[in-house]
Each structure stands twice: as structure tokens, then as C-alpha cells.
């Protein structure tokens, strides 16, 4: 089964999140920039899954990108993964992130 998960952190900046996730998931996230994603964000994509870290702010509409989770300033999207549980242990391991949403596609 393919899963999409959303994590949030209240204690790390987007850059600090990038550094921590790169170590935890052994993946190199590229820096990118887009108004749609709130300015600077970080992305990793391989053939089967992707990770994206961004600020929870919509520059165009001037509000939280994920309104239900507006109190989490930094978000981590894990998309199209078949190893959700494995990644969850690695992401949640040090307590900096919280699982906000888990979807099965």
C-alpha cells in the first residue's frame, strides 16, 4: 500500500529540519524556491517516494498552508511511500516531529 504522511515541528526551523531529516532518512534534500510552497523549501524525490520540508505559510493567500495545523510552523510531507511505518520510527525518534496526518492511497 502507498501512504502519504504529514509531520510538523514547533521547535525546528525548516533548515534545521532539513539537516535532521537528511541524517534520519539518509537522503539529500535539494533547496528550491516557490511562492506556491511559501518561499524556500527542501525536496527529495526518487522513483517511488518524495519528502518535502516547507514553512507552513502560504505567501499568496497570507495564511497557514495547512490551516488545521497552523500551530506547526514547519511541515514535512512524506508522499507515495510504501515504508510509512519504517520512516515514521526514524522521523519521530527524537521527538522533534509529530505525525499530523496519515493517509492510505
N, C-alpha and C. Protein backbone atom coordinates (compact mmCIF):
# COMPACT_ATOMS: atom_id res chain seq x y z
N UNK A 1 0.83 -1.19 0.00
CA UNK A 1 0.00 0.00 0.00
C UNK A 1 0.87 1.25 0.00
N UNK A 2 0.38 2.28 -0.64
CA UNK A 2 1.09 3.55 -0.71
C UNK A 2 0.50 4.49 0.33
N UNK A 3 1.36 5.19 1.03
CA UNK A 3 0.97 6.09 2.11
C UNK A 3 1.49 7.50 1.85
N UNK A 4 0.75 8.47 2.37
CA UNK A 4 1.19 9.86 2.40
C UNK A 4 1.03 10.35 3.83
N UNK A 5 2.12 10.86 4.39
CA UNK A 5 2.12 11.30 5.78
C UNK A 5 2.54 12.76 5.86
N UNK A 6 1.98 13.43 6.84
CA UNK A 6 2.34 14.82 7.12
C UNK A 6 2.81 14.91 8.56
N UNK A 7 3.99 15.49 8.75
CA UNK A 7 4.58 15.72 10.07
C UNK A 7 4.75 17.21 10.28
N UNK A 8 4.78 17.63 11.52
CA UNK A 8 5.02 19.02 11.84
C UNK A 8 5.98 19.14 13.00
N UNK A 9 6.63 20.29 13.08
CA UNK A 9 7.51 20.57 14.22
C UNK A 9 7.29 22.00 14.67
N UNK A 10 7.34 22.17 15.97
CA UNK A 10 7.24 23.51 16.57
C UNK A 10 8.60 24.02 17.01
N UNK A 11 9.60 23.14 17.04
CA UNK A 11 10.87 23.52 17.66
C UNK A 11 12.03 23.67 16.67
N UNK A 12 11.87 23.21 15.43
CA UNK A 12 12.94 23.29 14.46
C UNK A 12 12.59 24.26 13.34
N UNK A 13 13.58 24.94 12.82
CA UNK A 13 13.40 25.74 11.62
C UNK A 13 13.34 24.79 10.42
N UNK A 14 12.99 25.31 9.26
CA UNK A 14 12.98 24.49 8.06
C UNK A 14 14.39 23.96 7.76
N UNK A 15 15.39 24.81 7.90
CA UNK A 15 16.77 24.37 7.63
C UNK A 15 17.22 23.32 8.64
N UNK A 16 16.94 23.52 9.91
CA UNK A 16 17.30 22.52 10.93
C UNK A 16 16.55 21.21 10.68
N UNK A 17 15.32 21.31 10.23
CA UNK A 17 14.53 20.11 9.90
C UNK A 17 15.17 19.37 8.74
N UNK A 18 15.60 20.10 7.74
CA UNK A 18 16.27 19.50 6.57
C UNK A 18 17.48 18.71 7.02
N UNK A 19 18.32 19.33 7.83
CA UNK A 19 19.54 18.67 8.28
C UNK A 19 19.23 17.41 9.08
N UNK A 20 18.26 17.48 9.93
CA UNK A 20 17.89 16.33 10.77
C UNK A 20 17.29 15.21 9.93
N UNK A 21 16.44 15.55 8.98
CA UNK A 21 15.79 14.54 8.14
C UNK A 21 16.80 13.90 7.19
N UNK A 22 17.74 14.67 6.69
CA UNK A 22 18.77 14.09 5.82
C UNK A 22 19.53 12.98 6.54
N UNK A 23 19.85 13.19 7.80
CA UNK A 23 20.55 12.18 8.58
C UNK A 23 19.62 11.00 8.88
N UNK A 24 18.43 11.29 9.35
CA UNK A 24 17.49 10.24 9.76
C UNK A 24 17.08 9.33 8.60
N UNK A 25 16.88 9.92 7.42
CA UNK A 25 16.37 9.15 6.28
C UNK A 25 17.44 8.85 5.23
N UNK A 26 18.67 9.28 5.49
CA UNK A 26 19.78 9.06 4.56
C UNK A 26 19.39 9.54 3.15
N UNK A 27 18.94 10.77 3.08
CA UNK A 27 18.51 11.37 1.81
C UNK A 27 19.00 12.80 1.75
N UNK A 28 19.37 13.24 0.58
CA UNK A 28 19.84 14.61 0.38
C UNK A 28 18.71 15.44 -0.21
N UNK A 29 18.23 16.42 0.54
CA UNK A 29 17.14 17.28 0.09
C UNK A 29 17.71 18.51 -0.61
N UNK A 30 17.19 18.81 -1.78
CA UNK A 30 17.62 19.97 -2.56
C UNK A 30 16.87 21.21 -2.10
N UNK A 31 17.58 22.32 -2.09
CA UNK A 31 16.91 23.59 -1.79
C UNK A 31 16.22 24.07 -3.06
N UNK A 32 14.99 24.52 -2.91
CA UNK A 32 14.20 25.05 -4.01
C UNK A 32 13.46 26.29 -3.53
N UNK A 33 12.87 26.99 -4.47
CA UNK A 33 12.10 28.19 -4.09
C UNK A 33 10.85 28.27 -4.95
N UNK A 34 9.73 28.58 -4.29
CA UNK A 34 8.46 28.70 -4.98
C UNK A 34 7.49 29.49 -4.10
N UNK A 35 6.79 30.43 -4.68
CA UNK A 35 5.74 31.14 -3.93
C UNK A 35 4.67 30.16 -3.48
N UNK A 36 4.37 29.19 -4.32
CA UNK A 36 3.34 28.20 -4.00
C UNK A 36 3.68 27.42 -2.73
N UNK A 37 4.96 27.18 -2.48
CA UNK A 37 5.39 26.43 -1.29
C UNK A 37 5.93 27.34 -0.19
N UNK A 38 5.61 28.61 -0.23
CA UNK A 38 5.97 29.51 0.86
C UNK A 38 7.38 30.05 0.83
N UNK A 39 7.98 30.07 -0.35
CA UNK A 39 9.35 30.58 -0.47
C UNK A 39 10.34 29.44 -0.59
N UNK A 40 11.39 29.46 0.23
CA UNK A 40 12.40 28.41 0.20
C UNK A 40 11.82 27.14 0.83
N UNK A 41 12.05 26.01 0.16
CA UNK A 41 11.66 24.72 0.70
C UNK A 41 12.69 23.69 0.28
N UNK A 42 12.58 22.47 0.81
CA UNK A 42 13.57 21.43 0.57
C UNK A 42 12.86 20.18 0.08
N UNK A 43 13.44 19.54 -0.96
CA UNK A 43 12.76 18.43 -1.62
C UNK A 43 13.72 17.30 -1.94
N UNK A 44 13.23 16.08 -1.75
CA UNK A 44 13.91 14.86 -2.17
C UNK A 44 12.90 14.04 -2.93
N UNK A 45 13.30 13.49 -4.07
CA UNK A 45 12.40 12.62 -4.83
C UNK A 45 13.22 11.53 -5.47
N UNK A 46 12.73 10.30 -5.32
CA UNK A 46 13.29 9.20 -6.08
C UNK A 46 12.14 8.59 -6.89
N UNK A 47 12.33 7.42 -7.42
CA UNK A 47 11.30 6.83 -8.29
C UNK A 47 9.98 6.56 -7.58
N UNK A 48 10.03 6.27 -6.31
CA UNK A 48 8.81 5.82 -5.65
C UNK A 48 8.28 6.73 -4.54
N UNK A 49 9.07 7.60 -4.00
CA UNK A 49 8.60 8.43 -2.89
C UNK A 49 9.27 9.79 -2.91
N UNK A 50 8.69 10.71 -2.14
CA UNK A 50 9.29 12.04 -2.04
C UNK A 50 9.11 12.59 -0.64
N UNK A 51 10.04 13.47 -0.25
CA UNK A 51 10.00 14.17 1.03
C UNK A 51 10.09 15.66 0.72
N UNK A 52 9.30 16.45 1.42
CA UNK A 52 9.37 17.90 1.25
C UNK A 52 9.22 18.57 2.61
N UNK A 53 10.12 19.50 2.88
CA UNK A 53 10.06 20.31 4.10
C UNK A 53 9.80 21.74 3.67
N UNK A 54 8.81 22.35 4.31
CA UNK A 54 8.50 23.74 3.98
C UNK A 54 7.90 24.43 5.18
N UNK A 55 7.94 25.76 5.14
CA UNK A 55 7.27 26.55 6.16
C UNK A 55 5.77 26.46 5.94
N UNK A 56 5.04 26.42 7.01
CA UNK A 56 3.59 26.30 6.94
C UNK A 56 2.98 27.69 6.75
N UNK A 57 3.28 28.27 5.61
CA UNK A 57 2.78 29.60 5.33
C UNK A 57 2.55 29.75 3.84
N UNK A 58 1.39 30.20 3.47
CA UNK A 58 1.03 30.45 2.08
C UNK A 58 1.25 31.93 1.80
N UNK A 59 2.31 32.24 1.07
CA UNK A 59 2.65 33.63 0.77
C UNK A 59 1.59 34.31 -0.09
N UNK A 60 0.95 33.56 -0.95
CA UNK A 60 -0.04 34.12 -1.87
C UNK A 60 -1.31 34.52 -1.14
N UNK A 61 -1.81 33.63 -0.27
CA UNK A 61 -3.07 33.89 0.42
C UNK A 61 -2.90 34.43 1.84
N UNK A 62 -1.64 34.55 2.30
CA UNK A 62 -1.33 35.14 3.61
C UNK A 62 -2.00 34.41 4.78
N UNK A 63 -1.86 33.09 4.80
CA UNK A 63 -2.33 32.29 5.93
C UNK A 63 -1.57 30.96 5.95
N UNK A 64 -1.82 30.15 6.93
CA UNK A 64 -1.15 28.85 7.03
C UNK A 64 -1.51 27.99 5.82
N UNK A 65 -0.52 27.31 5.28
CA UNK A 65 -0.77 26.41 4.15
C UNK A 65 -1.63 25.23 4.58
N UNK A 66 -1.38 24.72 5.77
CA UNK A 66 -2.19 23.65 6.36
C UNK A 66 -2.92 24.27 7.55
N UNK A 67 -4.08 24.80 7.29
CA UNK A 67 -4.82 25.57 8.32
C UNK A 67 -5.16 24.75 9.56
N UNK A 68 -5.43 23.47 9.40
CA UNK A 68 -5.73 22.63 10.57
C UNK A 68 -4.54 22.50 11.50
N UNK A 69 -3.36 22.76 10.97
CA UNK A 69 -2.13 22.61 11.75
C UNK A 69 -1.34 23.91 11.78
N UNK A 70 -2.04 25.01 11.88
CA UNK A 70 -1.42 26.34 11.85
C UNK A 70 -0.41 26.56 12.98
N UNK A 71 -0.51 25.80 14.06
CA UNK A 71 0.42 25.96 15.18
C UNK A 71 1.74 25.21 14.96
N UNK A 72 1.90 24.57 13.80
CA UNK A 72 3.16 23.94 13.43
C UNK A 72 3.80 24.75 12.32
N UNK A 73 4.83 25.52 12.61
CA UNK A 73 5.40 26.42 11.60
C UNK A 73 6.19 25.73 10.49
N UNK A 74 6.63 24.50 10.71
CA UNK A 74 7.39 23.76 9.70
C UNK A 74 6.73 22.40 9.48
N UNK A 75 6.59 22.04 8.21
CA UNK A 75 5.92 20.79 7.83
C UNK A 75 6.88 19.89 7.06
N UNK A 76 6.69 18.59 7.22
CA UNK A 76 7.40 17.57 6.45
C UNK A 76 6.35 16.69 5.80
N UNK A 77 6.36 16.67 4.47
CA UNK A 77 5.46 15.81 3.71
C UNK A 77 6.25 14.58 3.26
N UNK A 78 5.72 13.40 3.52
CA UNK A 78 6.28 12.15 3.02
C UNK A 78 5.21 11.58 2.10
N UNK A 79 5.50 11.54 0.80
CA UNK A 79 4.49 11.16 -0.19
C UNK A 79 4.87 9.90 -0.94
N UNK A 80 3.85 9.13 -1.25
CA UNK A 80 3.95 7.94 -2.10
C UNK A 80 4.96 6.93 -1.59
N UNK A 81 4.94 6.66 -0.30
CA UNK A 81 5.88 5.70 0.27
C UNK A 81 5.17 4.39 0.61
N UNK A 82 5.91 3.33 0.48
CA UNK A 82 5.43 2.01 0.90
C UNK A 82 6.06 1.60 2.22
N UNK A 83 6.84 2.49 2.80
CA UNK A 83 7.53 2.18 4.06
C UNK A 83 7.21 3.23 5.13
N UNK A 84 5.95 3.56 5.22
CA UNK A 84 5.49 4.59 6.15
C UNK A 84 5.89 4.30 7.60
N UNK A 85 5.67 3.08 8.04
CA UNK A 85 5.97 2.73 9.43
C UNK A 85 7.47 2.84 9.71
N UNK A 86 8.29 2.33 8.81
CA UNK A 86 9.74 2.42 8.98
C UNK A 86 10.21 3.87 9.05
N UNK A 87 9.72 4.70 8.13
CA UNK A 87 10.09 6.11 8.13
C UNK A 87 9.58 6.83 9.37
N UNK A 88 8.40 6.47 9.81
CA UNK A 88 7.81 7.09 10.99
C UNK A 88 8.70 6.91 12.23
N UNK A 89 9.22 5.72 12.41
CA UNK A 89 10.13 5.48 13.55
C UNK A 89 11.35 6.39 13.47
N UNK A 90 11.89 6.57 12.28
CA UNK A 90 13.08 7.39 12.10
C UNK A 90 12.77 8.88 12.29
N UNK A 91 11.63 9.31 11.79
CA UNK A 91 11.25 10.73 11.87
C UNK A 91 10.85 11.12 13.28
N UNK A 92 10.11 10.26 13.94
CA UNK A 92 9.59 10.57 15.28
C UNK A 92 10.58 10.25 16.40
N UNK A 93 11.69 9.62 16.06
CA UNK A 93 12.63 9.10 17.05
C UNK A 93 13.12 10.07 18.09
N UNK A 94 13.42 11.29 17.71
CA UNK A 94 14.00 12.23 18.69
C UNK A 94 12.97 13.19 19.27
N UNK A 95 11.72 13.08 18.87
CA UNK A 95 10.65 13.89 19.45
C UNK A 95 10.48 15.28 18.85
N UNK A 96 11.27 15.62 17.85
CA UNK A 96 11.15 16.96 17.25
C UNK A 96 9.93 17.08 16.35
N UNK A 97 9.50 15.97 15.75
CA UNK A 97 8.35 15.97 14.85
C UNK A 97 7.17 15.24 15.46
N UNK A 98 5.98 15.62 15.00
CA UNK A 98 4.73 14.99 15.40
C UNK A 98 4.02 14.56 14.11
N UNK A 99 3.44 13.36 14.12
CA UNK A 99 2.64 12.92 12.97
C UNK A 99 1.30 13.64 13.02
N UNK A 100 0.99 14.38 11.97
CA UNK A 100 -0.24 15.17 11.91
C UNK A 100 -1.32 14.49 11.08
N UNK A 101 -0.90 13.76 10.04
CA UNK A 101 -1.89 13.12 9.17
C UNK A 101 -1.25 11.89 8.52
N UNK A 102 -2.05 10.83 8.41
CA UNK A 102 -1.62 9.60 7.76
C UNK A 102 -2.72 9.17 6.80
N UNK A 103 -2.37 9.05 5.52
CA UNK A 103 -3.36 8.64 4.52
C UNK A 103 -2.88 7.42 3.77
N UNK A 104 -3.80 6.52 3.48
CA UNK A 104 -3.52 5.35 2.66
C UNK A 104 -4.18 5.59 1.32
N UNK A 105 -3.40 5.49 0.25
CA UNK A 105 -3.94 5.72 -1.09
C UNK A 105 -4.26 4.41 -1.77
